[in-house]
Full PDB file with SEQRES, HELIX, SHEET, SSBOND, CRYST1, ORIGX, SCALE, CONECT and MASTER records, all heavy atoms in Angstrom:
SEQRES   1 A   39  LEU LEU GLU GLU VAL LEU ALA GLU VAL ARG ALA ALA PRO          
SEQRES   2 A   39  GLY THR ALA ARG ASP ILE GLU ARG ARG LEU GLU ALA ASP          
SEQRES   3 A   39  HIS PRO ARG GLU ARG SER GLU TRP GLY TRP ASN TRP SER          
HELIX    1 AA1 LEU A    2  ALA A   11  1                                  10    
HELIX    2 AA2 ALA A   16  LEU A   23  1                                   8    
CRYST1    1.000    1.000    1.000  90.00  90.00  90.00 P 1           1          
ORIGX1      1.000000  0.000000  0.000000        0.00000                         
ORIGX2      0.000000  1.000000  0.000000        0.00000                         
ORIGX3      0.000000  0.000000  1.000000        0.00000                         
SCALE1      1.000000  0.000000  0.000000        0.00000                         
SCALE2      0.000000  1.000000  0.000000        0.00000                         
SCALE3      0.000000  0.000000  1.000000        0.00000                         
ATOM      1  N   LEU A   1      -5.238  -9.164  -2.914  1.00  0.00           N  
ATOM      2  CA  LEU A   1      -4.760  -7.816  -2.468  1.00  0.00           C  
ATOM      3  C   LEU A   1      -5.379  -6.666  -3.158  1.00  0.00           C  
ATOM      4  O   LEU A   1      -5.788  -5.695  -2.610  1.00  0.00           O  
ATOM      5  CB  LEU A   1      -3.291  -7.794  -2.407  1.00  0.00           C  
ATOM      6  CG  LEU A   1      -2.633  -6.547  -1.891  1.00  0.00           C  
ATOM      7  CD1 LEU A   1      -2.931  -6.349  -0.407  1.00  0.00           C  
ATOM      8  CD2 LEU A   1      -1.173  -6.477  -2.121  1.00  0.00           C  
ATOM      9  N   LEU A   2      -5.500  -6.809  -4.455  1.00  0.00           N  
ATOM     10  CA  LEU A   2      -6.076  -5.641  -5.255  1.00  0.00           C  
ATOM     11  C   LEU A   2      -7.480  -5.380  -4.776  1.00  0.00           C  
ATOM     12  O   LEU A   2      -7.879  -4.131  -4.544  1.00  0.00           O  
ATOM     13  CB  LEU A   2      -6.011  -5.928  -6.844  1.00  0.00           C  
ATOM     14  CG  LEU A   2      -4.680  -6.113  -7.356  1.00  0.00           C  
ATOM     15  CD1 LEU A   2      -4.852  -6.202  -8.918  1.00  0.00           C  
ATOM     16  CD2 LEU A   2      -3.690  -4.929  -6.921  1.00  0.00           C  
ATOM     17  N   GLU A   3      -8.245  -6.355  -4.633  1.00  0.00           N  
ATOM     18  CA  GLU A   3      -9.587  -6.258  -4.183  1.00  0.00           C  
ATOM     19  C   GLU A   3      -9.693  -5.570  -2.760  1.00  0.00           C  
ATOM     20  O   GLU A   3     -10.583  -4.721  -2.339  1.00  0.00           O  
ATOM     21  CB  GLU A   3     -10.403  -7.549  -4.114  1.00  0.00           C  
ATOM     22  CG  GLU A   3     -10.652  -8.151  -5.557  1.00  0.00           C  
ATOM     23  CD  GLU A   3      -9.420  -8.741  -6.145  1.00  0.00           C  
ATOM     24  OE1 GLU A   3      -8.416  -8.941  -5.531  1.00  0.00           O  
ATOM     25  OE2 GLU A   3      -9.467  -9.075  -7.261  1.00  0.00           O  
ATOM     26  N   GLU A   4      -8.765  -5.990  -1.877  1.00  0.00           N  
ATOM     27  CA  GLU A   4      -8.697  -5.415  -0.534  1.00  0.00           C  
ATOM     28  C   GLU A   4      -8.355  -3.966  -0.586  1.00  0.00           C  
ATOM     29  O   GLU A   4      -8.918  -3.149   0.148  1.00  0.00           O  
ATOM     30  CB  GLU A   4      -7.681  -6.139   0.230  1.00  0.00           C  
ATOM     31  CG  GLU A   4      -7.597  -5.887   1.779  1.00  0.00           C  
ATOM     32  CD  GLU A   4      -6.704  -6.818   2.594  1.00  0.00           C  
ATOM     33  OE1 GLU A   4      -6.012  -7.537   2.006  1.00  0.00           O  
ATOM     34  OE2 GLU A   4      -6.719  -6.643   3.792  1.00  0.00           O  
ATOM     35  N   VAL A   5      -7.427  -3.627  -1.366  1.00  0.00           N  
ATOM     36  CA  VAL A   5      -6.994  -2.148  -1.412  1.00  0.00           C  
ATOM     37  C   VAL A   5      -8.018  -1.371  -2.117  1.00  0.00           C  
ATOM     38  O   VAL A   5      -8.326  -0.185  -1.526  1.00  0.00           O  
ATOM     39  CB  VAL A   5      -5.661  -2.113  -2.150  1.00  0.00           C  
ATOM     40  CG1 VAL A   5      -5.323  -0.620  -2.508  1.00  0.00           C  
ATOM     41  CG2 VAL A   5      -4.522  -2.709  -1.487  1.00  0.00           C  
ATOM     42  N   LEU A   6      -8.661  -1.873  -3.027  1.00  0.00           N  
ATOM     43  CA  LEU A   6      -9.850  -0.995  -3.717  1.00  0.00           C  
ATOM     44  C   LEU A   6     -10.899  -0.850  -2.719  1.00  0.00           C  
ATOM     45  O   LEU A   6     -11.382   0.247  -2.730  1.00  0.00           O  
ATOM     46  CB  LEU A   6     -10.189  -1.868  -4.913  1.00  0.00           C  
ATOM     47  CG  LEU A   6     -11.323  -1.199  -5.792  1.00  0.00           C  
ATOM     48  CD1 LEU A   6     -10.984   0.134  -6.257  1.00  0.00           C  
ATOM     49  CD2 LEU A   6     -11.741  -2.100  -7.002  1.00  0.00           C  
ATOM     50  N   ALA A   7     -11.256  -1.785  -2.024  1.00  0.00           N  
ATOM     51  CA  ALA A   7     -12.271  -1.636  -0.918  1.00  0.00           C  
ATOM     52  C   ALA A   7     -11.899  -0.592   0.067  1.00  0.00           C  
ATOM     53  O   ALA A   7     -12.737   0.234   0.427  1.00  0.00           O  
ATOM     54  CB  ALA A   7     -12.553  -2.985  -0.174  1.00  0.00           C  
ATOM     55  N   GLU A   8     -10.593  -0.584   0.421  1.00  0.00           N  
ATOM     56  CA  GLU A   8     -10.166   0.397   1.381  1.00  0.00           C  
ATOM     57  C   GLU A   8     -10.264   1.834   0.867  1.00  0.00           C  
ATOM     58  O   GLU A   8     -10.628   2.738   1.569  1.00  0.00           O  
ATOM     59  CB  GLU A   8      -8.769   0.107   1.789  1.00  0.00           C  
ATOM     60  CG  GLU A   8      -8.169   0.909   3.068  1.00  0.00           C  
ATOM     61  CD  GLU A   8      -8.934   0.465   4.296  1.00  0.00           C  
ATOM     62  OE1 GLU A   8      -9.396  -0.721   4.391  1.00  0.00           O  
ATOM     63  OE2 GLU A   8      -9.173   1.351   5.149  1.00  0.00           O  
ATOM     64  N   VAL A   9      -9.923   1.942  -0.390  1.00  0.00           N  
ATOM     65  CA  VAL A   9      -9.876   3.247  -1.021  1.00  0.00           C  
ATOM     66  C   VAL A   9     -11.313   3.797  -1.124  1.00  0.00           C  
ATOM     67  O   VAL A   9     -11.654   4.978  -1.117  1.00  0.00           O  
ATOM     68  CB  VAL A   9      -9.120   3.366  -2.293  1.00  0.00           C  
ATOM     69  CG1 VAL A   9      -9.296   4.683  -3.001  1.00  0.00           C  
ATOM     70  CG2 VAL A   9      -7.682   2.970  -2.066  1.00  0.00           C  
ATOM     71  N   ARG A  10     -12.171   2.776  -1.526  1.00  0.00           N  
ATOM     72  CA  ARG A  10     -13.610   3.155  -1.635  1.00  0.00           C  
ATOM     73  C   ARG A  10     -14.165   3.626  -0.260  1.00  0.00           C  
ATOM     74  O   ARG A  10     -14.963   4.560  -0.302  1.00  0.00           O  
ATOM     75  CB  ARG A  10     -14.467   2.093  -2.160  1.00  0.00           C  
ATOM     76  CG  ARG A  10     -14.274   1.804  -3.574  1.00  0.00           C  
ATOM     77  CD  ARG A  10     -14.975   0.546  -4.106  1.00  0.00           C  
ATOM     78  NE  ARG A  10     -14.857   0.377  -5.545  1.00  0.00           N  
ATOM     79  CZ  ARG A  10     -15.154  -0.818  -6.334  1.00  0.00           C  
ATOM     80  NH1 ARG A  10     -15.387  -1.929  -5.544  1.00  0.00           N  
ATOM     81  NH2 ARG A  10     -15.065  -0.752  -7.596  1.00  0.00           N  
ATOM     82  N   ALA A  11     -13.624   3.040   0.754  1.00  0.00           N  
ATOM     83  CA  ALA A  11     -14.038   3.420   2.134  1.00  0.00           C  
ATOM     84  C   ALA A  11     -13.548   4.803   2.488  1.00  0.00           C  
ATOM     85  O   ALA A  11     -14.323   5.548   3.066  1.00  0.00           O  
ATOM     86  CB  ALA A  11     -13.658   2.343   3.083  1.00  0.00           C  
ATOM     87  N   ALA A  12     -12.382   5.088   2.041  1.00  0.00           N  
ATOM     88  CA  ALA A  12     -11.813   6.453   2.425  1.00  0.00           C  
ATOM     89  C   ALA A  12     -10.488   6.574   1.591  1.00  0.00           C  
ATOM     90  O   ALA A  12      -9.508   5.742   1.602  1.00  0.00           O  
ATOM     91  CB  ALA A  12     -11.271   6.484   3.892  1.00  0.00           C  
ATOM     92  N   PRO A  13     -10.394   7.746   0.665  1.00  0.00           N  
ATOM     93  CA  PRO A  13      -9.313   8.003  -0.132  1.00  0.00           C  
ATOM     94  C   PRO A  13      -8.009   8.260   0.676  1.00  0.00           C  
ATOM     95  O   PRO A  13      -8.174   8.555   1.902  1.00  0.00           O  
ATOM     96  CB  PRO A  13      -9.637   9.271  -0.857  1.00  0.00           C  
ATOM     97  CG  PRO A  13     -11.140   9.263  -0.762  1.00  0.00           C  
ATOM     98  CD  PRO A  13     -11.581   8.732   0.515  1.00  0.00           C  
ATOM     99  N   GLY A  14      -6.828   8.062   0.081  1.00  0.00           N  
ATOM    100  CA  GLY A  14      -5.650   8.095   0.848  1.00  0.00           C  
ATOM    101  C   GLY A  14      -4.390   7.826   0.022  1.00  0.00           C  
ATOM    102  O   GLY A  14      -4.543   7.393  -1.049  1.00  0.00           O  
ATOM    103  N   THR A  15      -3.258   8.074   0.549  1.00  0.00           N  
ATOM    104  CA  THR A  15      -1.924   7.639  -0.098  1.00  0.00           C  
ATOM    105  C   THR A  15      -1.778   6.257   0.154  1.00  0.00           C  
ATOM    106  O   THR A  15      -2.387   5.535   1.043  1.00  0.00           O  
ATOM    107  CB  THR A  15      -0.690   8.471   0.426  1.00  0.00           C  
ATOM    108  OG1 THR A  15      -0.614   8.157   1.728  1.00  0.00           O  
ATOM    109  CG2 THR A  15      -1.012  10.025   0.331  1.00  0.00           C  
ATOM    110  N   ALA A  16      -0.754   5.703  -0.526  1.00  0.00           N  
ATOM    111  CA  ALA A  16      -0.411   4.288  -0.212  1.00  0.00           C  
ATOM    112  C   ALA A  16       0.045   4.129   1.227  1.00  0.00           C  
ATOM    113  O   ALA A  16      -0.324   3.043   1.795  1.00  0.00           O  
ATOM    114  CB  ALA A  16       0.745   3.950  -1.205  1.00  0.00           C  
ATOM    115  N   ARG A  17       0.791   5.105   1.842  1.00  0.00           N  
ATOM    116  CA  ARG A  17       1.123   4.879   3.208  1.00  0.00           C  
ATOM    117  C   ARG A  17      -0.066   4.931   4.136  1.00  0.00           C  
ATOM    118  O   ARG A  17      -0.130   4.155   5.049  1.00  0.00           O  
ATOM    119  CB  ARG A  17       2.014   6.108   3.589  1.00  0.00           C  
ATOM    120  CG  ARG A  17       3.520   6.006   2.842  1.00  0.00           C  
ATOM    121  CD  ARG A  17       4.408   7.227   3.307  1.00  0.00           C  
ATOM    122  NE  ARG A  17       5.457   7.280   2.586  1.00  0.00           N  
ATOM    123  CZ  ARG A  17       6.726   6.548   2.693  1.00  0.00           C  
ATOM    124  NH1 ARG A  17       6.657   5.836   3.722  1.00  0.00           N  
ATOM    125  NH2 ARG A  17       7.656   6.740   1.998  1.00  0.00           N  
ATOM    126  N   ASP A  18      -1.028   5.818   3.777  1.00  0.00           N  
ATOM    127  CA  ASP A  18      -2.268   5.804   4.630  1.00  0.00           C  
ATOM    128  C   ASP A  18      -2.887   4.361   4.565  1.00  0.00           C  
ATOM    129  O   ASP A  18      -3.439   3.885   5.550  1.00  0.00           O  
ATOM    130  CB  ASP A  18      -3.342   6.781   3.954  1.00  0.00           C  
ATOM    131  CG  ASP A  18      -2.822   8.203   4.174  1.00  0.00           C  
ATOM    132  OD1 ASP A  18      -1.985   8.358   5.037  1.00  0.00           O  
ATOM    133  OD2 ASP A  18      -3.153   9.044   3.366  1.00  0.00           O  
ATOM    134  N   ILE A  19      -2.974   3.855   3.375  1.00  0.00           N  
ATOM    135  CA  ILE A  19      -3.709   2.493   3.202  1.00  0.00           C  
ATOM    136  C   ILE A  19      -2.899   1.388   3.921  1.00  0.00           C  
ATOM    137  O   ILE A  19      -3.444   0.543   4.515  1.00  0.00           O  
ATOM    138  CB  ILE A  19      -3.835   2.179   1.644  1.00  0.00           C  
ATOM    139  CG1 ILE A  19      -4.835   3.209   1.015  1.00  0.00           C  
ATOM    140  CG2 ILE A  19      -4.404   0.697   1.449  1.00  0.00           C  
ATOM    141  CD1 ILE A  19      -4.615   3.361  -0.495  1.00  0.00           C  
ATOM    142  N   GLU A  20      -1.574   1.458   3.900  1.00  0.00           N  
ATOM    143  CA  GLU A  20      -0.732   0.455   4.544  1.00  0.00           C  
ATOM    144  C   GLU A  20      -1.079   0.596   6.098  1.00  0.00           C  
ATOM    145  O   GLU A  20      -1.246  -0.466   6.729  1.00  0.00           O  
ATOM    146  CB  GLU A  20       0.727   0.817   4.455  1.00  0.00           C  
ATOM    147  CG  GLU A  20       1.327   0.427   3.022  1.00  0.00           C  
ATOM    148  CD  GLU A  20       2.712   0.744   2.958  1.00  0.00           C  
ATOM    149  OE1 GLU A  20       3.379   0.993   3.956  1.00  0.00           O  
ATOM    150  OE2 GLU A  20       3.297   0.655   1.808  1.00  0.00           O  
ATOM    151  N   ARG A  21      -1.190   1.720   6.570  1.00  0.00           N  
ATOM    152  CA  ARG A  21      -1.438   1.913   8.029  1.00  0.00           C  
ATOM    153  C   ARG A  21      -2.825   1.411   8.250  1.00  0.00           C  
ATOM    154  O   ARG A  21      -3.062   0.614   9.424  1.00  0.00           O  
ATOM    155  CB  ARG A  21      -1.387   3.379   8.418  1.00  0.00           C  
ATOM    156  CG  ARG A  21       0.155   3.882   8.600  1.00  0.00           C  
ATOM    157  CD  ARG A  21       0.189   5.272   9.289  1.00  0.00           C  
ATOM    158  NE  ARG A  21      -0.405   6.312   8.553  1.00  0.00           N  
ATOM    159  CZ  ARG A  21       0.103   7.037   7.654  1.00  0.00           C  
ATOM    160  NH1 ARG A  21       1.427   6.788   7.492  1.00  0.00           N  
ATOM    161  NH2 ARG A  21      -0.506   8.037   7.056  1.00  0.00           N  
ATOM    162  N   ARG A  22      -3.758   1.662   7.481  1.00  0.00           N  
ATOM    163  CA  ARG A  22      -5.151   1.260   7.745  1.00  0.00           C  
ATOM    164  C   ARG A  22      -5.361  -0.315   7.668  1.00  0.00           C  
ATOM    165  O   ARG A  22      -6.108  -0.991   8.372  1.00  0.00           O  
ATOM    166  CB  ARG A  22      -6.057   1.944   6.876  1.00  0.00           C  
ATOM    167  CG  ARG A  22      -6.187   3.449   7.113  1.00  0.00           C  
ATOM    168  CD  ARG A  22      -7.572   4.044   6.659  1.00  0.00           C  
ATOM    169  NE  ARG A  22      -7.796   3.829   5.162  1.00  0.00           N  
ATOM    170  CZ  ARG A  22      -7.675   4.731   4.266  1.00  0.00           C  
ATOM    171  NH1 ARG A  22      -7.215   5.868   4.515  1.00  0.00           N  
ATOM    172  NH2 ARG A  22      -7.933   4.373   3.016  1.00  0.00           N  
ATOM    173  N   LEU A  23      -4.664  -0.892   6.775  1.00  0.00           N  
ATOM    174  CA  LEU A  23      -4.622  -2.380   6.575  1.00  0.00           C  
ATOM    175  C   LEU A  23      -3.688  -3.071   7.536  1.00  0.00           C  
ATOM    176  O   LEU A  23      -3.555  -4.306   7.651  1.00  0.00           O  
ATOM    177  CB  LEU A  23      -4.285  -2.831   5.179  1.00  0.00           C  
ATOM    178  CG  LEU A  23      -5.273  -2.464   4.090  1.00  0.00           C  
ATOM    179  CD1 LEU A  23      -4.730  -2.811   2.635  1.00  0.00           C  
ATOM    180  CD2 LEU A  23      -6.634  -3.032   4.341  1.00  0.00           C  
ATOM    181  N   GLU A  24      -2.836  -2.246   8.266  1.00  0.00           N  
ATOM    182  CA  GLU A  24      -1.850  -2.870   9.146  1.00  0.00           C  
ATOM    183  C   GLU A  24      -0.932  -3.889   8.387  1.00  0.00           C  
ATOM    184  O   GLU A  24      -0.620  -4.898   8.961  1.00  0.00           O  
ATOM    185  CB  GLU A  24      -2.458  -3.554  10.362  1.00  0.00           C  
ATOM    186  CG  GLU A  24      -3.309  -2.499  11.245  1.00  0.00           C  
ATOM    187  CD  GLU A  24      -3.891  -3.190  12.630  1.00  0.00           C  
ATOM    188  OE1 GLU A  24      -3.821  -4.449  12.588  1.00  0.00           O  
ATOM    189  OE2 GLU A  24      -4.330  -2.409  13.403  1.00  0.00           O  
ATOM    190  N   ALA A  25      -0.589  -3.511   7.129  1.00  0.00           N  
ATOM    191  CA  ALA A  25       0.199  -4.321   6.308  1.00  0.00           C  
ATOM    192  C   ALA A  25       1.564  -4.138   6.643  1.00  0.00           C  
ATOM    193  O   ALA A  25       2.085  -3.115   7.008  1.00  0.00           O  
ATOM    194  CB  ALA A  25      -0.056  -3.904   4.819  1.00  0.00           C  
ATOM    195  N   ASP A  26       2.330  -5.253   6.648  1.00  0.00           N  
ATOM    196  CA  ASP A  26       3.808  -5.221   6.788  1.00  0.00           C  
ATOM    197  C   ASP A  26       4.471  -6.022   5.788  1.00  0.00           C  
ATOM    198  O   ASP A  26       5.003  -7.037   6.003  1.00  0.00           O  
ATOM    199  CB  ASP A  26       4.041  -5.930   8.196  1.00  0.00           C  
ATOM    200  CG  ASP A  26       5.556  -5.826   8.659  1.00  0.00           C  
ATOM    201  OD1 ASP A  26       6.112  -4.946   8.078  1.00  0.00           O  
ATOM    202  OD2 ASP A  26       5.917  -6.695   9.415  1.00  0.00           O  
ATOM    203  N   HIS A  27       4.498  -5.466   4.540  1.00  0.00           N  
ATOM    204  CA  HIS A  27       5.077  -6.104   3.437  1.00  0.00           C  
ATOM    205  C   HIS A  27       6.410  -5.410   3.196  1.00  0.00           C  
ATOM    206  O   HIS A  27       6.652  -4.164   3.198  1.00  0.00           O  
ATOM    207  CB  HIS A  27       4.273  -5.858   2.215  1.00  0.00           C  
ATOM    208  CG  HIS A  27       2.954  -6.758   2.299  1.00  0.00           C  
ATOM    209  ND1 HIS A  27       2.923  -7.989   2.406  1.00  0.00           N  
ATOM    210  CD2 HIS A  27       1.674  -6.243   2.325  1.00  0.00           C  
ATOM    211  CE1 HIS A  27       1.600  -8.454   2.518  1.00  0.00           C  
ATOM    212  NE2 HIS A  27       0.818  -7.353   2.325  1.00  0.00           N  
ATOM    213  N   PRO A  28       7.455  -6.082   2.957  1.00  0.00           N  
ATOM    214  CA  PRO A  28       8.681  -5.551   2.675  1.00  0.00           C  
ATOM    215  C   PRO A  28       8.775  -4.699   1.412  1.00  0.00           C  
ATOM    216  O   PRO A  28       7.951  -4.988   0.485  1.00  0.00           O  
ATOM    217  CB  PRO A  28       9.598  -6.715   2.504  1.00  0.00           C  
ATOM    218  CG  PRO A  28       8.841  -7.766   2.169  1.00  0.00           C  
ATOM    219  CD  PRO A  28       7.530  -7.538   2.805  1.00  0.00           C  
ATOM    220  N   ARG A  29       9.601  -3.726   1.398  1.00  0.00           N  
ATOM    221  CA  ARG A  29       9.832  -2.826   0.070  1.00  0.00           C  
ATOM    222  C   ARG A  29      10.791  -3.509  -0.809  1.00  0.00           C  
ATOM    223  O   ARG A  29      11.795  -4.222  -0.320  1.00  0.00           O  
ATOM    224  CB  ARG A  29      10.246  -1.528   0.566  1.00  0.00           C  
ATOM    225  CG  ARG A  29       9.180  -0.661   1.167  1.00  0.00           C  
ATOM    226  CD  ARG A  29       9.608   0.742   1.498  1.00  0.00           C  
ATOM    227  NE  ARG A  29       8.655   1.477   2.241  1.00  0.00           N  
ATOM    228  CZ  ARG A  29       7.614   2.133   1.653  1.00  0.00           C  
ATOM    229  NH1 ARG A  29       7.564   2.237   0.301  1.00  0.00           N  
ATOM    230  NH2 ARG A  29       6.691   2.736   2.317  1.00  0.00           N  
ATOM    231  N   GLU A  30      10.583  -3.403  -2.189  1.00  0.00           N  
ATOM    232  CA  GLU A  30      11.481  -4.027  -2.996  1.00  0.00           C  
ATOM    233  C   GLU A  30      12.716  -3.153  -3.025  1.00  0.00           C  
ATOM    234  O   GLU A  30      12.706  -1.889  -2.854  1.00  0.00           O  
ATOM    235  CB  GLU A  30      10.991  -3.824  -4.513  1.00  0.00           C  
ATOM    236  CG  GLU A  30      10.081  -5.164  -4.829  1.00  0.00           C  
ATOM    237  CD  GLU A  30      10.026  -5.365  -6.303  1.00  0.00           C  
ATOM    238  OE1 GLU A  30      10.866  -5.154  -7.057  1.00  0.00           O  
ATOM    239  OE2 GLU A  30       8.800  -5.552  -6.692  1.00  0.00           O  
ATOM    240  N   ARG A  31      13.858  -3.576  -3.231  1.00  0.00           N  
ATOM    241  CA  ARG A  31      15.287  -3.065  -3.288  1.00  0.00           C  
ATOM    242  C   ARG A  31      15.913  -3.422  -4.693  1.00  0.00           C  
ATOM    243  O   ARG A  31      17.069  -3.058  -4.746  1.00  0.00           O  
ATOM    244  CB  ARG A  31      16.086  -3.477  -2.105  1.00  0.00           C  
ATOM    245  CG  ARG A  31      15.463  -3.256  -0.773  1.00  0.00           C  
ATOM    246  CD  ARG A  31      15.198  -1.793  -0.405  1.00  0.00           C  
ATOM    247  NE  ARG A  31      14.629  -1.546   0.874  1.00  0.00           N  
ATOM    248  CZ  ARG A  31      14.217  -0.440   1.291  1.00  0.00           C  
ATOM    249  NH1 ARG A  31      14.453   0.696   0.601  1.00  0.00           N  
ATOM    250  NH2 ARG A  31      13.630  -0.380   2.605  1.00  0.00           N  
ATOM    251  N   SER A  32      15.111  -3.904  -5.637  1.00  0.00           N  
ATOM    252  CA  SER A  32      15.768  -4.224  -6.829  1.00  0.00           C  
ATOM    253  C   SER A  32      16.097  -3.205  -7.729  1.00  0.00           C  
ATOM    254  O   SER A  32      17.054  -3.331  -8.702  1.00  0.00           O  
ATOM    255  CB  SER A  32      14.990  -5.286  -7.580  1.00  0.00           C  
ATOM    256  OG  SER A  32      13.718  -4.748  -7.764  1.00  0.00           O  
ATOM    257  N   GLU A  33      15.440  -2.042  -7.754  1.00  0.00           N  
ATOM    258  CA  GLU A  33      15.527  -0.977  -8.674  1.00  0.00           C  
ATOM    259  C   GLU A  33      15.736   0.395  -7.914  1.00  0.00           C  
ATOM    260  O   GLU A  33      14.898   0.741  -7.018  1.00  0.00           O  
ATOM    261  CB  GLU A  33      14.324  -0.767  -9.591  1.00  0.00           C  
ATOM    262  CG  GLU A  33      14.155  -1.996 -10.491  1.00  0.00           C  
ATOM    263  CD  GLU A  33      12.965  -1.908 -11.379  1.00  0.00           C  
ATOM    264  OE1 GLU A  33      12.711  -0.783 -11.806  1.00  0.00           O  
ATOM    265  OE2 GLU A  33      12.311  -2.834 -11.661  1.00  0.00           O  
ATOM    266  N   TRP A  34      16.772   1.090  -8.274  1.00  0.00           N  
ATOM    267  CA  TRP A  34      17.012   2.370  -7.598  1.00  0.00           C  
ATOM    268  C   TRP A  34      15.853   3.277  -7.822  1.00  0.00           C  
ATOM    269  O   TRP A  34      15.468   3.427  -8.874  1.00  0.00           O  
ATOM    270  CB  TRP A  34      18.300   2.934  -7.975  1.00  0.00           C  
ATOM    271  CG  TRP A  34      18.727   4.318  -7.466  1.00  0.00           C  
ATOM    272  CD1 TRP A  34      19.193   4.588  -6.346  1.00  0.00           C  
ATOM    273  CD2 TRP A  34      18.261   5.609  -7.972  1.00  0.00           C  
ATOM    274  NE1 TRP A  34      19.253   5.964  -6.056  1.00  0.00           N  
ATOM    275  CE2 TRP A  34      18.633   6.570  -7.058  1.00  0.00           C  
ATOM    276  CE3 TRP A  34      17.543   6.001  -9.112  1.00  0.00           C  
ATOM    277  CZ2 TRP A  34      18.620   8.040  -7.372  1.00  0.00           C  
ATOM    278  CZ3 TRP A  34      17.414   7.379  -9.473  1.00  0.00           C  
ATOM    279  CH2 TRP A  34      17.944   8.294  -8.434  1.00  0.00           C  
ATOM    280  N   GLY A  35      15.353   4.064  -6.910  1.00  0.00           N  
ATOM    281  CA  GLY A  35      14.362   4.980  -6.964  1.00  0.00           C  
ATOM    282  C   GLY A  35      12.961   4.597  -7.046  1.00  0.00           C  
ATOM    283  O   GLY A  35      12.022   5.358  -7.118  1.00  0.00           O  
ATOM    284  N   TRP A  36      12.827   3.077  -7.084  1.00  0.00           N  
ATOM    285  CA  TRP A  36      11.416   2.580  -7.169  1.00  0.00           C  
ATOM    286  C   TRP A  36      11.172   1.518  -5.986  1.00  0.00           C  
ATOM    287  O   TRP A  36      10.827   0.487  -6.253  1.00  0.00           O  
ATOM    288  CB  TRP A  36      11.230   1.922  -8.577  1.00  0.00           C  
ATOM    289  CG  TRP A  36      11.362   2.871  -9.586  1.00  0.00           C  
ATOM    290  CD1 TRP A  36      12.422   3.114 -10.342  1.00  0.00           C  
ATOM    291  CD2 TRP A  36      10.405   3.761 -10.098  1.00  0.00           C  
ATOM    292  NE1 TRP A  36      12.208   4.133 -11.303  1.00  0.00           N  
ATOM    293  CE2 TRP A  36      10.956   4.635 -11.162  1.00  0.00           C  
ATOM    294  CE3 TRP A  36       8.975   4.117  -9.557  1.00  0.00           C  
ATOM    295  CZ2 TRP A  36      10.225   5.666 -11.828  1.00  0.00           C  
ATOM    296  CZ3 TRP A  36       8.362   5.085 -10.227  1.00  0.00           C  
ATOM    297  CH2 TRP A  36       8.908   5.809 -11.348  1.00  0.00           C  
ATOM    298  N   ASN A  37      11.599   1.887  -4.856  1.00  0.00           N  
ATOM    299  CA  ASN A  37      11.455   1.029  -3.756  1.00  0.00           C  
ATOM    300  C   ASN A  37      10.093   0.976  -3.117  1.00  0.00           C  
ATOM    301  O   ASN A  37       9.904   1.458  -2.081  1.00  0.00           O  
ATOM    302  CB  ASN A  37      12.550   1.332  -2.578  1.00  0.00           C  
ATOM    303  CG  ASN A  37      13.932   1.238  -3.098  1.00  0.00           C  
ATOM    304  OD1 ASN A  37      14.239   0.410  -4.006  1.00  0.00           O  
ATOM    305  ND2 ASN A  37      14.770   2.021  -2.782  1.00  0.00           N  
ATOM    306  N   TRP A  38       9.180   0.395  -3.848  1.00  0.00           N  
ATOM    307  CA  TRP A  38       7.832   0.512  -3.449  1.00  0.00           C  
ATOM    308  C   TRP A  38       7.515  -0.725  -2.579  1.00  0.00           C  
ATOM    309  O   TRP A  38       7.996  -1.685  -2.633  1.00  0.00           O  
ATOM    310  CB  TRP A  38       6.940   0.289  -4.669  1.00  0.00           C  
ATOM    311  CG  TRP A  38       6.824   1.470  -5.506  1.00  0.00           C  
ATOM    312  CD1 TRP A  38       7.234   2.713  -5.274  1.00  0.00           C  
ATOM    313  CD2 TRP A  38       6.212   1.607  -6.901  1.00  0.00           C  
ATOM    314  NE1 TRP A  38       7.003   3.601  -6.372  1.00  0.00           N  
ATOM    315  CE2 TRP A  38       6.460   2.887  -7.481  1.00  0.00           C  
ATOM    316  CE3 TRP A  38       5.559   0.723  -7.827  1.00  0.00           C  
ATOM    317  CZ2 TRP A  38       5.883   3.287  -8.535  1.00  0.00           C  
ATOM    318  CZ3 TRP A  38       5.097   1.084  -8.940  1.00  0.00           C  
ATOM    319  CH2 TRP A  38       5.319   2.373  -9.374  1.00  0.00           C  
ATOM    320  N   SER A  39       6.528  -0.534  -1.657  1.00  0.00           N  
ATOM    321  CA  SER A  39       5.944  -1.496  -0.837  1.00  0.00           C  
ATOM    322  C   SER A  39       4.906  -2.282  -1.756  1.00  0.00           C  
ATOM    323  O   SER A  39       4.495  -1.723  -2.806  1.00  0.00           O  
ATOM    324  CB  SER A  39       5.264  -0.966   0.424  1.00  0.00           C  
ATOM    325  OG  SER A  39       4.047  -0.264  -0.090  1.00  0.00           O  
TER     326      SER A  39                                                      
MASTER        0    0    0    2    0    0    0    6  325    1    0    3          
END                                                                             
């Protein structure tokens, strides 16, 4: 996944949400820590 994300940013900068959309990723967000619900 790191290699895939790095390649995507090299192709076009963006936010994490931008990259999610471009990769058509559908990974659940963590709910274990308040305030840090990252995908």
